[in-house]
Protein backbone atom coordinates (compact mmCIF):
# COMPACT_ATOMS: atom_id res chain seq x y z
CA MET A 1 0.00 0.00 0.00
CA ASN A 2 1.32 3.43 -0.96
CA CYS A 3 1.48 5.64 2.13
CA ALA A 4 2.28 8.91 0.41
CA VAL A 5 -0.93 10.59 1.57
CA SER A 6 -0.24 10.51 5.31
CA ALA A 7 0.85 8.04 7.91
CA THR A 8 -2.48 8.29 9.72
CA ARG A 9 -4.52 7.77 6.57
CA CYS A 10 -2.30 4.88 5.55
CA TRP A 11 -2.76 3.27 8.97
CA ARG A 12 -6.53 3.63 8.72
CA LEU A 13 -6.63 2.22 5.21
CA SER A 14 -4.45 -0.73 6.13
CA ARG A 15 -6.59 -1.43 9.21
CA LEU A 16 -9.73 -1.24 7.09
CA ALA A 17 -8.28 -3.61 4.51
CA SER A 18 -7.02 -6.06 7.13
CA GLY A 19 -10.31 -5.95 9.00
CA ALA A 20 -12.58 -6.20 5.98
CA ALA A 21 -13.39 -9.86 6.62
CA ASP A 22 -14.30 -9.05 10.24
CA VAL A 23 -16.54 -6.18 9.13
CA VAL A 24 -18.30 -8.38 6.57
CA ALA A 25 -18.81 -11.10 9.18
CA PHE A 26 -20.30 -8.56 11.59
CA ALA A 27 -22.55 -7.05 8.90
CA ARG A 28 -23.82 -10.51 7.97
CA GLY A 29 -24.61 -11.33 11.58
CA GLU A 30 -21.91 -14.01 11.70
CA ALA A 31 -20.02 -12.17 14.47
CA ALA A 32 -21.71 -10.88 17.61
CA GLU A 33 -19.38 -7.89 18.01
CA PRO A 34 -17.81 -5.48 15.51
CA PRO A 35 -14.02 -5.71 15.14
CA ALA A 36 -12.00 -4.17 18.01
CA TRP A 37 -10.53 -1.44 15.78
CA MET A 38 -14.05 -0.39 14.82
CA ARG A 39 -15.25 -0.28 18.44
CA GLU A 40 -12.22 1.91 19.29
CA THR A 41 -12.76 4.49 16.55
CA TRP A 42 -16.46 4.45 15.64
CA LEU A 43 -19.45 5.42 17.76
CA ILE A 44 -21.13 2.04 18.13
CA GLY A 45 -23.42 0.79 20.87
CA THR A 46 -26.42 1.64 22.96
CA PRO A 47 -27.33 5.29 23.57
CA ASP A 48 -25.57 5.09 26.97
CA GLU A 49 -22.43 3.62 25.41
CA ILE A 50 -22.36 6.21 22.64
CA GLU A 51 -22.83 9.04 25.12
CA ALA A 52 -19.85 7.71 27.11
CA GLN A 53 -17.74 7.45 23.95
CA ILE A 54 -18.56 11.04 22.95
CA ARG A 55 -17.72 12.27 26.44
CA ARG A 56 -14.33 10.50 26.30
CA PHE A 57 -13.56 12.17 22.96
CA ALA A 58 -14.66 15.54 24.40
CA GLU A 59 -12.34 15.06 27.39
CA LEU A 60 -9.52 14.68 24.86
CA GLY A 61 -10.46 18.03 23.31
CA VAL A 62 -12.62 16.93 20.38
CA THR A 63 -15.20 19.63 19.69
CA HIS A 64 -16.72 18.53 16.38
CA PHE A 65 -18.05 15.21 15.17
CA MET A 66 -19.00 14.14 11.68
CA LEU A 67 -21.66 11.47 11.95
CA TRP A 68 -22.60 8.85 9.40
CA PHE A 69 -25.61 6.71 10.15
CA VAL A 70 -25.16 3.36 8.46
CA ASP A 71 -28.91 2.76 8.27
CA ALA A 72 -29.37 5.68 5.83
CA PRO A 73 -31.58 6.49 4.03
CA ASP A 74 -33.71 5.18 6.91
CA ASP A 75 -33.62 7.91 9.54
CA SER A 76 -34.34 5.77 12.62
CA GLY A 77 -30.69 5.77 13.77
CA MET A 78 -30.47 9.53 13.40
CA ARG A 79 -33.76 10.00 15.25
CA LEU A 80 -32.62 7.72 18.07
CA PHE A 81 -29.39 9.71 18.36
CA ALA A 82 -31.28 13.02 18.42
CA GLU A 83 -33.89 11.85 20.91
CA ARG A 84 -31.75 9.81 23.30
CA ILE A 85 -28.25 11.30 23.16
CA LEU A 86 -28.13 14.94 22.05
CA GLY A 87 -30.21 16.22 24.98
CA ARG A 88 -27.92 14.52 27.50
CA LEU A 89 -24.91 16.21 25.94
CA GLY A 90 -26.46 19.67 26.17
CA ALA A 91 -26.57 19.99 22.40
């Protein structure tokens, strides 16, 4: 893999490529949990778990999040986030 773009981007791409089988297994329901690297870097879980993850990122100084709801175009994930998490974060 050519890492000319950036070391961080290269690391992410290599992790994605190496974890592709794990992601596919999780998406198919063949694995009960998403891969560890995904749990460490994505917001995945119950509303309580996601709130805790966001608070940990905020403690590290993160002030902006770009969210992607994998159930799009269905808006139920986005609605759940808005109804159950945003209010707790004071947003």
